[in-house]
C-alpha atoms as a PDB file:
ATOM      1  CA  MET A   1       6.068  -3.198  26.543  1.00  0.00           C
ATOM      2  CA  ALA A   2       2.703  -2.642  25.432  1.00  0.00           C
ATOM      3  CA  LYS A   3       1.137   0.731  26.694  1.00  0.00           C
ATOM      4  CA  ALA A   4      -2.015   0.556  28.764  1.00  0.00           C
ATOM      5  CA  GLY A   5      -5.344   1.973  27.489  1.00  0.00           C
ATOM      6  CA  PRO A   6      -7.160   1.360  24.173  1.00  0.00           C
ATOM      7  CA  ARG A   7      -5.593  -0.353  21.219  1.00  0.00           C
ATOM      8  CA  ARG A   8      -5.352   1.995  18.264  1.00  0.00           C
ATOM      9  CA  ILE A   9      -7.337   0.473  15.545  1.00  0.00           C
ATOM     10  CA  GLU A  10      -6.732   2.375  11.879  1.00  0.00           C
ATOM     11  CA  LYS A  11      -9.730   2.031   9.204  1.00  0.00           C
ATOM     12  CA  TYR A  12      -8.216   1.824   5.501  1.00  0.00           C
ATOM     13  CA  GLY A  13     -10.673   2.871   2.520  1.00  0.00           C
ATOM     14  CA  ASP A  14     -10.838   0.376  -0.012  1.00  0.00           C
ATOM     15  CA  ARG A  15      -8.819   2.766  -2.374  1.00  0.00           C
ATOM     16  CA  PHE A  16      -5.640   2.995   0.305  1.00  0.00           C
ATOM     17  CA  LYS A  17      -5.703  -0.941  -0.076  1.00  0.00           C
ATOM     18  CA  ALA A  18      -6.000  -1.666  -3.562  1.00  0.00           C
ATOM     19  CA  THR A  19      -3.192   0.695  -3.906  1.00  0.00           C
ATOM     20  CA  ALA A  20      -1.342  -0.864  -1.339  1.00  0.00           C
ATOM     21  CA  VAL A  21      -2.030  -4.416  -3.035  1.00  0.00           C
ATOM     22  CA  LYS A  22      -0.943  -3.006  -6.675  1.00  0.00           C
ATOM     23  CA  LEU A  23       2.246  -1.626  -5.061  1.00  0.00           C
ATOM     24  CA  SER A  24       3.598  -4.845  -3.584  1.00  0.00           C
ATOM     25  CA  LYS A  25       2.891  -6.308  -6.983  1.00  0.00           C
ATOM     26  CA  LEU A  26       5.654  -4.073  -8.964  1.00  0.00           C
ATOM     27  CA  PRO A  27       9.095  -5.672  -9.676  1.00  0.00           C
ATOM     28  CA  GLY A  28      11.494  -5.731  -7.174  1.00  0.00           C
ATOM     29  CA  VAL A  29       9.004  -4.330  -4.744  1.00  0.00           C
ATOM     30  CA  SER A  30       8.494  -6.862  -1.390  1.00  0.00           C
ATOM     31  CA  VAL A  31       5.424  -6.990   0.793  1.00  0.00           C
ATOM     32  CA  GLN A  32       7.793  -6.221   3.796  1.00  0.00           C
ATOM     33  CA  ASP A  33       9.008  -2.819   1.772  1.00  0.00           C
ATOM     34  CA  VAL A  34       5.498  -1.656   0.993  1.00  0.00           C
ATOM     35  CA  ALA A  35       4.484  -2.309   4.650  1.00  0.00           C
ATOM     36  CA  ALA A  36       7.358  -0.735   6.051  1.00  0.00           C
ATOM     37  CA  ALA A  37       6.784   2.713   3.812  1.00  0.00           C
ATOM     38  CA  LEU A  38       3.159   2.590   5.011  1.00  0.00           C
ATOM     39  CA  ASP A  39       3.388   2.088   8.334  1.00  0.00           C
ATOM     40  CA  ILE A  40       1.115  -1.115   8.628  1.00  0.00           C
ATOM     41  CA  HIS A  41       2.197  -4.831   9.289  1.00  0.00           C
ATOM     42  CA  PRO A  42       2.920  -7.165   6.630  1.00  0.00           C
ATOM     43  CA  PHE A  43       0.232  -9.555   7.481  1.00  0.00           C
ATOM     44  CA  MET A  44      -2.115  -6.650   7.348  1.00  0.00           C
ATOM     45  CA  LEU A  45      -1.217  -6.301   3.584  1.00  0.00           C
ATOM     46  CA  SER A  46      -1.236  -9.999   2.809  1.00  0.00           C
ATOM     47  CA  LEU A  47      -4.420 -10.226   3.898  1.00  0.00           C
ATOM     48  CA  TRP A  48      -5.279  -7.594   1.856  1.00  0.00           C
ATOM     49  CA  ARG A  49      -3.686  -9.551  -1.571  1.00  0.00           C
ATOM     50  CA  ARG A  50      -5.861 -12.679  -0.522  1.00  0.00           C
ATOM     51  CA  GLN A  51      -9.115  -9.884  -0.431  1.00  0.00           C
ATOM     52  CA  VAL A  52      -8.190  -8.617  -3.642  1.00  0.00           C
ATOM     53  CA  ARG A  53      -7.575 -11.944  -5.266  1.00  0.00           C
ATOM     54  CA  GLU A  54     -10.975 -13.216  -4.137  1.00  0.00           C
ATOM     55  CA  ARG A  55     -12.716  -9.802  -5.040  1.00  0.00           C
ATOM     56  CA  VAL A  56     -13.640  -8.749  -1.359  1.00  0.00           C
ATOM     57  CA  ILE A  57     -11.511  -5.324  -2.258  1.00  0.00           C
ATOM     58  CA  VAL A  58     -12.391  -4.042  -5.899  1.00  0.00           C
ATOM     59  CA  ALA A  59      -9.678  -1.849  -7.466  1.00  0.00           C
ATOM     60  CA  ARG A  60     -11.468   1.716  -8.620  1.00  0.00           C
ATOM     61  CA  ALA A  61     -10.331   3.535 -11.858  1.00  0.00           C
ATOM     62  CA  ALA A  62      -8.727   6.297  -9.665  1.00  0.00           C
ATOM     63  CA  VAL A  63      -6.361   3.576  -8.137  1.00  0.00           C
ATOM     64  CA  SER A  64      -4.904   2.641 -11.669  1.00  0.00           C
ATOM     65  CA  ALA A  65      -3.513   6.346 -11.904  1.00  0.00           C
ATOM     66  CA  ASP A  66      -1.685   6.362  -8.467  1.00  0.00           C
ATOM     67  CA  VAL A  67      -0.224   3.476  -9.161  1.00  0.00           C
ATOM     68  CA  ARG A  68       0.780   3.757 -12.890  1.00  0.00           C
ATOM     69  CA  ALA A  69       2.871   6.752 -12.026  1.00  0.00           C
ATOM     70  CA  LEU A  70       4.568   4.850  -9.555  1.00  0.00           C
ATOM     71  CA  ASN A  71       4.946   2.147 -11.821  1.00  0.00           C
ATOM     72  CA  SER A  72       6.347   4.173 -14.608  1.00  0.00           C
ATOM     73  CA  ALA A  73       9.105   5.523 -11.643  1.00  0.00           C
ATOM     74  CA  ALA A  74       9.603   1.894 -10.785  1.00  0.00           C
ATOM     75  CA  GLN A  75      10.101   0.910 -14.990  1.00  0.00           C
ATOM     76  CA  ALA A  76      12.573   3.902 -15.044  1.00  0.00           C
ATOM     77  CA  ASP A  77      15.095   2.071 -12.632  1.00  0.00           C
ATOM     78  CA  ALA A  78      14.093   3.859  -9.979  1.00  0.00           C
ATOM     79  CA  PRO A  79      15.043   2.108  -6.384  1.00  0.00           C
ATOM     80  CA  ALA A  80      12.454   0.835  -4.613  1.00  0.00           C
ATOM     81  CA  SER A  81      12.731   2.991  -2.227  1.00  0.00           C
ATOM     82  CA  ALA A  82      12.376   5.782  -4.150  1.00  0.00           C
ATOM     83  CA  VAL A  83       8.946   4.272  -5.538  1.00  0.00           C
ATOM     84  CA  LEU A  84       7.532   3.558  -1.952  1.00  0.00           C
ATOM     85  CA  CYS A  85       8.820   6.877  -0.788  1.00  0.00           C
ATOM     86  CA  GLY A  86       5.948   8.183  -3.152  1.00  0.00           C
ATOM     87  CA  ALA A  87       3.565   5.432  -1.487  1.00  0.00           C
ATOM     88  CA  HIS A  88       4.409   6.904   1.878  1.00  0.00           C
ATOM     89  CA  GLN A  89       3.981  10.399   0.860  1.00  0.00           C
ATOM     90  CA  ALA A  90       0.137   9.216  -0.365  1.00  0.00           C
ATOM     91  CA  ARG A  91      -0.527   8.007   2.963  1.00  0.00           C
ATOM     92  CA  GLU A  92       0.558  10.980   4.837  1.00  0.00           C
ATOM     93  CA  ALA A  93      -1.710  12.936   2.609  1.00  0.00           C
ATOM     94  CA  GLY A  94      -4.644  10.636   3.524  1.00  0.00           C
ATOM     95  CA  CYS A  95      -5.160   9.026   0.531  1.00  0.00           C
ATOM     96  CA  GLY A  96      -8.000   6.749   0.537  1.00  0.00           C
ATOM     97  CA  ARG A  97      -8.811   7.263   4.249  1.00  0.00           C
END
């Protein structure tokens, strides 16, 4: 049952959104995996993916470095959970918010 009181609404920056989208496009990683690791709803991530396709959200150069590091871990046959653990740590550190 839902709690009484105001709803908690998070505001995420474009850098965070673009990084989440790029993570969801890594081989062997699903939208649900990324959403769970970042503690967001899968629908939100799907919405961000559409916004990136439509150029509403534009990835910045700094995002590329973040994703490049995670992508190299993915290419080194690291399990998807290990790659997403790095993404979760970035979120906890306030990446892009």
